[in-house]
N, C-alpha and C. Protein backbone atom coordinates (compact mmCIF):
# COMPACT_ATOMS: atom_id res chain seq x y z
N MET A 1 25.37 -15.84 -1.39
CA MET A 1 24.28 -15.21 -0.46
C MET A 1 24.45 -15.26 1.00
N ALA A 2 24.61 -14.74 1.85
CA ALA A 2 24.57 -14.95 3.27
C ALA A 2 23.58 -15.67 3.89
N GLN A 3 23.82 -16.59 4.86
CA GLN A 3 22.64 -17.41 5.44
C GLN A 3 21.80 -16.41 6.41
N VAL A 4 20.70 -16.05 6.36
CA VAL A 4 19.94 -15.15 7.10
C VAL A 4 18.60 -15.76 7.38
N ASP A 5 17.98 -15.58 8.55
CA ASP A 5 16.73 -15.93 8.80
C ASP A 5 15.87 -14.65 8.24
N VAL A 6 15.51 -14.86 7.30
CA VAL A 6 14.94 -13.63 6.45
C VAL A 6 13.53 -13.33 7.17
N GLU A 7 12.76 -14.40 7.77
CA GLU A 7 11.23 -14.18 8.37
C GLU A 7 11.58 -13.23 9.53
N SER A 8 12.46 -13.53 10.57
CA SER A 8 12.68 -13.07 11.74
C SER A 8 13.50 -11.67 11.70
N THR A 9 14.44 -11.52 10.72
CA THR A 9 15.12 -10.51 10.17
C THR A 9 13.95 -9.30 9.77
N PHE A 10 13.13 -9.78 9.00
CA PHE A 10 12.10 -8.91 8.27
C PHE A 10 11.24 -8.38 9.44
N ASP A 11 10.71 -9.26 10.26
CA ASP A 11 9.88 -8.88 11.52
C ASP A 11 10.67 -7.96 12.37
N SER A 12 11.95 -8.14 12.56
CA SER A 12 12.62 -7.10 13.65
C SER A 12 12.56 -5.85 12.79
N TYR A 13 13.17 -5.88 11.61
CA TYR A 13 13.23 -4.56 10.98
C TYR A 13 12.09 -3.98 10.59
N LEU A 14 10.91 -4.41 10.49
CA LEU A 14 9.70 -3.79 9.94
C LEU A 14 9.35 -3.14 11.51
N GLU A 15 9.58 -3.83 12.64
CA GLU A 15 9.19 -3.32 13.95
C GLU A 15 10.08 -2.07 14.22
N ARG A 16 11.41 -2.00 14.15
CA ARG A 16 12.24 -1.01 14.19
C ARG A 16 11.95 0.27 13.08
N PHE A 17 11.47 0.00 11.97
CA PHE A 17 11.34 0.79 10.96
C PHE A 17 9.98 1.76 11.25
N ARG A 18 9.26 1.36 12.18
CA ARG A 18 7.94 2.13 12.73
C ARG A 18 8.26 3.65 12.68
N VAL A 19 9.27 3.93 13.14
CA VAL A 19 9.85 5.38 13.36
C VAL A 19 9.65 5.99 12.07
N LEU A 20 10.03 5.23 10.80
CA LEU A 20 9.99 5.80 9.45
C LEU A 20 8.66 5.71 8.87
N LEU A 21 7.71 4.95 9.36
CA LEU A 21 6.47 4.99 8.86
C LEU A 21 5.60 5.89 9.69
N ALA A 22 5.75 6.26 10.77
CA ALA A 22 5.18 7.25 11.84
C ALA A 22 4.60 8.39 10.82
N PRO A 23 3.29 8.94 11.33
CA PRO A 23 2.94 9.95 10.44
C PRO A 23 3.70 11.18 10.52
N GLN A 24 4.16 11.42 12.05
CA GLN A 24 4.95 12.68 12.22
C GLN A 24 6.19 12.69 11.35
N THR A 25 6.78 11.49 11.10
CA THR A 25 8.05 11.47 10.12
C THR A 25 7.68 11.90 8.73
N TRP A 26 6.63 11.42 8.08
CA TRP A 26 6.30 11.62 6.82
C TRP A 26 5.36 12.88 6.49
N GLN A 27 4.83 13.75 7.44
CA GLN A 27 3.90 14.76 7.41
C GLN A 27 4.34 15.73 6.76
N LYS A 28 5.56 16.19 7.23
CA LYS A 28 6.24 17.40 6.41
C LYS A 28 7.06 17.14 5.13
N LEU A 29 7.12 15.82 4.96
CA LEU A 29 7.57 15.51 3.47
C LEU A 29 6.59 15.13 2.55
N VAL A 30 5.39 14.75 2.97
CA VAL A 30 4.38 14.23 1.77
C VAL A 30 3.17 15.04 1.95
N MET A 31 3.09 15.99 2.94
CA MET A 31 2.12 16.89 3.14
C MET A 31 0.72 16.16 3.17
N ASP A 32 0.54 15.19 3.88
CA ASP A 32 -0.70 14.40 3.98
C ASP A 32 -1.21 13.85 2.63
N LEU A 33 -0.34 13.57 1.57
CA LEU A 33 -0.78 13.17 0.43
C LEU A 33 -0.71 11.78 0.21
N SER A 34 -1.65 11.16 -0.81
CA SER A 34 -1.38 9.85 -1.04
C SER A 34 -0.05 9.63 -2.07
N LYS A 35 0.37 8.64 -2.05
CA LYS A 35 1.60 8.14 -2.72
C LYS A 35 1.44 8.75 -4.35
N ASN A 36 0.39 8.48 -4.92
CA ASN A 36 0.23 9.16 -6.37
C ASN A 36 0.08 10.55 -6.40
N ASP A 37 -0.35 11.19 -5.38
CA ASP A 37 -0.47 12.77 -5.15
C ASP A 37 1.15 13.15 -5.16
N ALA A 38 1.84 12.58 -4.30
CA ALA A 38 3.09 13.02 -3.88
C ALA A 38 4.09 12.79 -5.02
N LEU A 39 4.00 11.68 -5.67
CA LEU A 39 4.64 11.27 -7.00
C LEU A 39 4.35 12.21 -8.23
N ALA A 40 3.03 12.63 -7.91
CA ALA A 40 2.73 13.34 -9.22
C ALA A 40 3.35 14.96 -9.06
N LEU A 41 3.42 15.46 -7.82
CA LEU A 41 4.01 16.56 -7.64
C LEU A 41 5.56 16.68 -7.72
N LEU A 42 6.06 15.52 -7.36
CA LEU A 42 7.55 15.41 -7.73
C LEU A 42 7.87 15.40 -9.36
N ARG A 43 6.99 14.65 -10.02
CA ARG A 43 7.27 14.61 -11.57
C ARG A 43 6.97 16.14 -12.07
N LEU A 44 5.95 16.80 -11.47
CA LEU A 44 5.70 18.25 -12.03
C LEU A 44 6.92 19.13 -11.44
N HIS A 45 7.48 18.72 -10.53
CA HIS A 45 8.64 19.68 -10.13
C HIS A 45 9.77 19.44 -10.95
N ARG A 46 9.89 18.20 -11.43
CA ARG A 46 11.31 17.90 -12.40
C ARG A 46 10.89 18.35 -13.76
N VAL A 47 9.48 18.37 -14.34
CA VAL A 47 9.29 18.41 -15.69
C VAL A 47 8.85 19.85 -15.97
N SER A 48 8.37 20.45 -15.03
CA SER A 48 7.64 21.86 -15.10
C SER A 48 6.10 21.57 -15.49
N GLU A 49 5.90 20.88 -16.70
CA GLU A 49 4.29 20.91 -16.97
C GLU A 49 4.50 19.63 -17.66
N THR A 50 3.31 18.86 -17.86
CA THR A 50 3.24 17.55 -18.31
C THR A 50 1.53 17.23 -18.92
N ARG A 51 1.56 16.51 -19.84
CA ARG A 51 0.13 16.15 -20.48
C ARG A 51 -0.27 15.30 -19.41
N MET A 52 -1.81 15.14 -19.23
CA MET A 52 -2.39 14.31 -18.41
C MET A 52 -2.06 12.73 -18.79
N SER A 53 -2.14 12.42 -20.07
CA SER A 53 -1.58 11.26 -20.40
C SER A 53 -0.32 10.75 -20.14
N ASP A 54 0.56 11.73 -20.19
CA ASP A 54 2.05 11.44 -19.81
C ASP A 54 1.98 11.38 -18.20
N LEU A 55 1.47 11.88 -17.42
CA LEU A 55 1.26 11.87 -16.03
C LEU A 55 0.76 10.52 -15.57
N ALA A 56 -0.27 10.06 -16.46
CA ALA A 56 -0.90 8.93 -16.15
C ALA A 56 0.07 7.64 -16.31
N ASP A 57 0.72 7.79 -17.34
CA ASP A 57 1.92 6.61 -17.73
C ASP A 57 2.91 6.96 -16.81
N TYR A 58 3.46 7.95 -16.28
CA TYR A 58 4.55 8.16 -15.15
C TYR A 58 3.92 7.33 -14.11
N LEU A 59 2.72 7.50 -13.45
CA LEU A 59 2.37 7.03 -12.35
C LEU A 59 1.80 5.67 -12.32
N ALA A 60 1.87 5.05 -13.75
CA ALA A 60 1.37 3.78 -13.90
C ALA A 60 -0.09 3.55 -13.57
N VAL A 61 -0.97 4.40 -14.08
CA VAL A 61 -2.56 4.29 -13.70
C VAL A 61 -3.27 4.89 -14.85
N PRO A 62 -4.62 4.35 -14.92
CA PRO A 62 -5.47 4.66 -15.92
C PRO A 62 -5.46 6.23 -15.90
N LEU A 63 -5.94 6.86 -17.10
CA LEU A 63 -6.08 8.50 -17.30
C LEU A 63 -7.11 8.61 -16.16
N ASN A 64 -8.27 7.98 -16.03
CA ASN A 64 -9.29 8.56 -15.01
C ASN A 64 -8.52 8.46 -13.74
N THR A 65 -7.64 7.69 -13.09
CA THR A 65 -7.10 7.77 -11.95
C THR A 65 -6.22 9.23 -11.75
N ALA A 66 -5.53 9.33 -12.74
CA ALA A 66 -4.70 10.25 -12.78
C ALA A 66 -5.56 11.71 -12.97
N THR A 67 -6.64 11.88 -13.54
CA THR A 67 -7.52 12.89 -13.37
C THR A 67 -8.15 13.12 -11.93
N GLY A 68 -8.25 12.07 -11.29
CA GLY A 68 -8.77 12.05 -9.80
C GLY A 68 -7.57 12.56 -9.01
N VAL A 69 -6.21 12.33 -9.32
CA VAL A 69 -5.11 12.75 -8.39
C VAL A 69 -5.03 14.49 -8.76
N VAL A 70 -5.13 14.70 -10.13
CA VAL A 70 -4.93 16.04 -10.34
C VAL A 70 -6.18 16.97 -9.79
N THR A 71 -7.07 16.50 -9.75
CA THR A 71 -8.33 17.07 -9.34
C THR A 71 -8.23 17.39 -7.64
N ARG A 72 -7.55 16.33 -7.10
CA ARG A 72 -7.50 16.51 -5.45
C ARG A 72 -6.17 17.64 -5.45
N LEU A 73 -5.40 17.42 -6.21
CA LEU A 73 -4.31 18.51 -6.04
C LEU A 73 -4.54 19.86 -6.42
N GLU A 74 -5.56 19.96 -7.44
CA GLU A 74 -5.91 21.32 -7.95
C GLU A 74 -6.88 22.07 -6.83
N ARG A 75 -7.75 21.24 -6.07
CA ARG A 75 -8.51 21.52 -5.01
C ARG A 75 -7.81 22.12 -4.01
N ARG A 76 -6.48 21.53 -3.84
CA ARG A 76 -5.62 21.98 -2.51
C ARG A 76 -4.77 23.17 -3.13
N GLY A 77 -4.94 23.72 -4.39
CA GLY A 77 -4.19 24.74 -4.81
C GLY A 77 -2.75 24.58 -5.13
N LEU A 78 -2.48 23.16 -5.49
CA LEU A 78 -0.92 22.92 -5.69
C LEU A 78 -0.89 22.77 -6.86
N VAL A 79 -1.72 22.55 -7.96
CA VAL A 79 -1.46 22.35 -9.45
C VAL A 79 -2.49 23.21 -10.16
N ASP A 80 -2.14 23.48 -11.35
CA ASP A 80 -3.07 24.42 -12.43
C ASP A 80 -3.17 23.35 -13.68
N ARG A 81 -4.35 23.46 -14.12
CA ARG A 81 -4.76 22.53 -15.31
C ARG A 81 -5.24 23.48 -16.35
N ARG A 82 -4.68 23.17 -17.40
CA ARG A 82 -5.28 24.06 -18.51
C ARG A 82 -5.20 23.03 -19.87
N HIS A 83 -5.82 23.65 -21.03
CA HIS A 83 -5.97 22.97 -22.45
C HIS A 83 -4.56 23.43 -22.93
N SER A 84 -4.08 22.78 -23.72
CA SER A 84 -2.71 23.16 -24.56
C SER A 84 -3.15 23.93 -25.54
N ALA A 85 -2.46 24.98 -25.77
CA ALA A 85 -2.46 25.96 -26.72
C ALA A 85 -2.46 25.48 -28.08
N ASP A 86 -1.70 24.40 -28.41
CA ASP A 86 -1.46 23.56 -29.57
C ASP A 86 -2.70 22.73 -30.09
N ASP A 87 -3.11 21.99 -29.12
CA ASP A 87 -4.32 21.17 -29.22
C ASP A 87 -5.20 21.15 -28.01
N LYS A 88 -6.27 21.59 -28.31
CA LYS A 88 -7.39 21.86 -27.12
C LYS A 88 -7.80 20.59 -26.71
N ARG A 89 -7.84 19.47 -27.41
CA ARG A 89 -8.04 18.25 -26.81
C ARG A 89 -7.08 17.86 -25.66
N VAL A 90 -5.89 18.49 -25.60
CA VAL A 90 -4.97 17.93 -24.68
C VAL A 90 -5.05 18.69 -23.41
N VAL A 91 -4.88 18.14 -22.17
CA VAL A 91 -5.01 18.83 -21.01
C VAL A 91 -3.53 18.69 -20.62
N VAL A 92 -3.00 19.86 -20.01
CA VAL A 92 -1.67 20.00 -19.52
C VAL A 92 -1.71 20.46 -18.00
N VAL A 93 -0.96 19.88 -17.17
CA VAL A 93 -0.87 20.10 -15.86
C VAL A 93 0.52 20.80 -15.30
N ALA A 94 0.57 21.67 -14.37
CA ALA A 94 1.70 22.32 -14.17
C ALA A 94 1.49 22.51 -12.47
N LEU A 95 2.68 22.66 -11.80
CA LEU A 95 2.65 23.17 -10.36
C LEU A 95 2.12 24.50 -10.27
N SER A 96 1.47 24.90 -9.30
CA SER A 96 0.96 26.35 -9.09
C SER A 96 1.89 26.91 -8.28
N ALA A 97 1.90 28.35 -8.03
CA ALA A 97 3.00 28.90 -7.17
C ALA A 97 2.95 28.02 -5.85
N ALA A 98 1.72 28.01 -5.22
CA ALA A 98 1.64 27.21 -3.98
C ALA A 98 2.47 25.84 -4.15
N GLY A 99 2.07 25.12 -4.96
CA GLY A 99 2.69 23.79 -5.33
C GLY A 99 4.17 23.80 -5.26
N ARG A 100 4.84 24.87 -6.09
CA ARG A 100 6.13 24.89 -6.14
C ARG A 100 6.87 25.33 -4.76
N THR A 101 6.24 26.07 -3.83
CA THR A 101 6.56 26.20 -2.36
C THR A 101 6.55 25.12 -1.76
N ALA A 102 5.43 24.47 -1.77
CA ALA A 102 5.09 23.18 -1.11
C ALA A 102 6.13 22.19 -1.44
N VAL A 103 6.28 21.77 -2.46
CA VAL A 103 7.46 20.72 -3.05
C VAL A 103 8.85 21.06 -2.56
N ALA A 104 9.05 22.45 -2.78
CA ALA A 104 10.54 22.92 -2.36
C ALA A 104 10.57 22.59 -0.84
N GLY A 105 9.55 22.89 -0.01
CA GLY A 105 9.88 22.72 1.52
C GLY A 105 10.04 21.30 1.85
N ALA A 106 9.15 20.53 0.97
CA ALA A 106 9.09 19.16 1.30
C ALA A 106 10.55 18.55 0.90
N ILE A 107 10.94 18.99 -0.26
CA ILE A 107 12.36 18.55 -0.42
C ILE A 107 13.54 18.93 0.63
N ARG A 108 13.32 20.22 0.85
CA ARG A 108 14.38 20.71 1.83
C ARG A 108 14.22 19.89 3.03
N GLU A 109 12.99 19.52 3.65
CA GLU A 109 12.84 18.61 4.89
C GLU A 109 13.45 17.35 4.45
N GLY A 110 13.32 16.58 3.24
CA GLY A 110 13.92 15.57 3.13
C GLY A 110 15.31 15.56 3.25
N ILE A 111 15.91 16.62 2.48
CA ILE A 111 17.48 16.79 2.83
C ILE A 111 17.79 17.02 4.02
N SER A 112 17.07 17.67 4.84
CA SER A 112 17.39 17.93 6.40
C SER A 112 17.39 16.43 7.05
N VAL A 113 16.42 15.57 6.76
CA VAL A 113 16.42 14.24 7.35
C VAL A 113 17.64 13.44 6.75
N ALA A 114 18.05 13.44 5.61
CA ALA A 114 18.88 12.78 5.30
C ALA A 114 20.39 13.22 5.89
N GLN A 115 20.39 14.53 6.07
CA GLN A 115 21.79 15.09 6.60
C GLN A 115 21.79 14.63 8.09
N ARG A 116 20.65 14.60 8.74
CA ARG A 116 20.60 13.88 10.21
C ARG A 116 21.12 12.65 10.28
N VAL A 117 20.84 11.78 9.37
CA VAL A 117 21.19 10.44 9.19
C VAL A 117 22.59 10.30 8.84
N PHE A 118 23.11 10.97 7.70
CA PHE A 118 24.53 11.10 7.37
C PHE A 118 25.43 11.66 8.33
N GLU A 119 25.20 12.46 8.98
CA GLU A 119 26.02 13.16 9.97
C GLU A 119 26.52 12.39 10.95
N ASP A 120 25.97 11.19 11.32
CA ASP A 120 26.21 10.30 12.48
C ASP A 120 27.02 9.11 11.67
N LEU A 121 27.33 9.05 10.61
CA LEU A 121 27.89 7.97 9.67
C LEU A 121 29.27 8.49 9.40
N SER A 122 30.19 7.38 9.33
CA SER A 122 31.44 7.95 8.74
C SER A 122 31.17 7.71 7.23
N GLU A 123 32.38 8.20 6.35
CA GLU A 123 32.33 8.47 5.01
C GLU A 123 32.10 6.91 4.48
N GLU A 124 32.89 5.97 4.92
CA GLU A 124 32.59 4.48 4.50
C GLU A 124 31.19 3.87 4.75
N GLN A 125 30.65 4.18 5.97
CA GLN A 125 29.32 3.78 6.06
C GLN A 125 28.43 4.26 5.22
N VAL A 126 28.43 5.72 4.98
CA VAL A 126 27.53 6.26 3.91
C VAL A 126 27.62 5.72 2.60
N GLY A 127 29.02 5.06 2.04
CA GLY A 127 29.12 4.75 0.85
C GLY A 127 28.44 3.13 0.78
N LEU A 128 28.85 2.53 1.97
CA LEU A 128 28.06 1.19 2.07
C LEU A 128 26.66 1.36 1.95
N LEU A 129 26.12 2.27 2.92
CA LEU A 129 24.72 2.25 2.92
C LEU A 129 24.03 2.62 1.65
N LEU A 130 24.62 3.46 0.93
CA LEU A 130 24.02 4.08 -0.46
C LEU A 130 24.42 2.88 -1.57
N GLY A 131 25.31 2.22 -1.36
CA GLY A 131 25.52 1.10 -2.11
C GLY A 131 24.62 -0.21 -1.89
N VAL A 132 24.32 -0.40 -0.87
CA VAL A 132 23.08 -1.39 -0.44
C VAL A 132 21.96 -0.86 -1.07
N VAL A 133 21.41 0.38 -0.83
CA VAL A 133 20.39 0.77 -1.07
C VAL A 133 20.03 0.63 -2.76
N ASP A 134 20.98 1.11 -3.41
CA ASP A 134 21.19 0.95 -4.85
C ASP A 134 20.76 -0.48 -5.34
N ARG A 135 21.70 -1.30 -4.54
CA ARG A 135 21.37 -2.78 -5.18
C ARG A 135 19.81 -3.30 -4.79
N VAL A 136 19.52 -2.79 -3.79
CA VAL A 136 18.21 -3.02 -3.24
C VAL A 136 17.22 -2.45 -4.31
N LEU A 137 17.39 -1.33 -4.75
CA LEU A 137 16.43 -0.65 -5.83
C LEU A 137 16.71 -1.23 -6.97
N GLU A 138 17.83 -1.82 -7.41
CA GLU A 138 18.12 -2.81 -8.63
C GLU A 138 17.29 -4.01 -8.83
N VAL A 139 17.33 -4.59 -7.50
CA VAL A 139 16.58 -5.86 -7.54
C VAL A 139 14.88 -5.67 -7.81
N LEU A 140 14.66 -4.55 -6.79
CA LEU A 140 13.08 -4.12 -6.85
C LEU A 140 12.51 -3.57 -8.26
N THR A 141 13.45 -3.02 -8.73
CA THR A 141 13.13 -2.36 -10.29
C THR A 141 12.82 -3.50 -11.08
N ALA A 142 13.89 -4.47 -11.11
CA ALA A 142 13.88 -5.53 -12.00
C ALA A 142 12.71 -6.45 -11.82
N ASP A 143 12.18 -6.55 -10.48
CA ASP A 143 11.06 -7.04 -10.31
C ASP A 143 9.76 -6.66 -10.56
N ALA A 144 9.71 -5.26 -10.54
CA ALA A 144 8.58 -4.35 -10.95
C ALA A 144 8.43 -4.56 -12.50
N ARG A 145 9.58 -4.51 -13.42
CA ARG A 145 9.77 -4.57 -14.54
C ARG A 145 9.12 -5.82 -15.13
N ASP A 146 9.66 -6.89 -14.48
CA ASP A 146 9.18 -8.13 -14.66
C ASP A 146 7.58 -8.50 -14.53
N ALA A 147 7.15 -7.76 -13.57
CA ALA A 147 5.63 -8.08 -13.13
C ALA A 147 4.69 -6.85 -13.75
N ALA A 148 5.26 -5.67 -14.65
CA ALA A 148 4.50 -4.92 -14.94
C ALA A 148 3.56 -5.50 -16.27
N PRO A 149 2.38 -5.11 -16.37
CA PRO A 149 1.73 -5.68 -17.39
C PRO A 149 1.93 -5.03 -18.83
N ARG A 150 2.20 -5.76 -19.88
CA ARG A 150 2.40 -5.13 -21.01
C ARG A 150 1.30 -4.46 -21.85
N ARG A 151 1.40 -3.13 -22.05
CA ARG A 151 0.43 -2.17 -22.60
C ARG A 151 0.36 -2.41 -24.09
N THR A 152 -0.86 -2.84 -24.63
CA THR A 152 -0.98 -2.83 -26.09
C THR A 152 -1.82 -1.78 -26.65
N THR A 153 -1.61 -1.38 -27.70
CA THR A 153 -2.57 -0.35 -28.44
C THR A 153 -3.62 -1.15 -29.19
N ARG A 154 -4.77 -0.90 -29.12
CA ARG A 154 -5.75 -1.40 -29.74
C ARG A 154 -6.17 -0.38 -31.01
N ARG A 155 -6.04 -1.02 -32.09
CA ARG A 155 -6.20 -0.51 -33.43
C ARG A 155 -7.57 -0.47 -33.87
N ILE A 156 -8.14 0.54 -34.36
CA ILE A 156 -9.55 0.84 -34.59
C ILE A 156 -9.75 1.16 -35.96
N ALA A 157 -10.15 0.26 -36.89
CA ALA A 157 -10.28 0.31 -38.29
C ALA A 157 -11.31 1.69 -38.65
N ILE A 158 -10.93 2.55 -39.30
CA ILE A 158 -11.97 3.60 -39.77
C ILE A 158 -12.27 3.51 -41.04
N ASP A 159 -13.27 3.36 -41.44
CA ASP A 159 -13.86 3.31 -42.82
C ASP A 159 -14.32 4.39 -43.42
């Protein structure tokens, strides 16, 4: 590993990354949504519809938190919630037409930002950048996996 003054490097890059954290940078991408709201919309974009319990698992939050996320998104007209035709106890969530339009627009904006970044880099620099980002994500994913609480199922005896 290279010798790096991690504290000063972190401080320097944190200051330089302010542009990435600025509201105007993210407003078009995440539509003034919380992290969980944005992740829920992206999940629904990928899977078309999902059960509330599966969405809670994906977000790694309790079911009541996922319900709050869906309620906020439903108020904004971005998702529709209904009971499953197969099991009325199961609630299913899907993007509304407005939600599909909003997510598609945010994805287009994200692609536009990436294109602006990549067009100023050589092919070698793009490969290097993506390789470094992949490695950072591998490290952070392993850290998150190691820190994640293990969920256990409580068995209730029925007499």
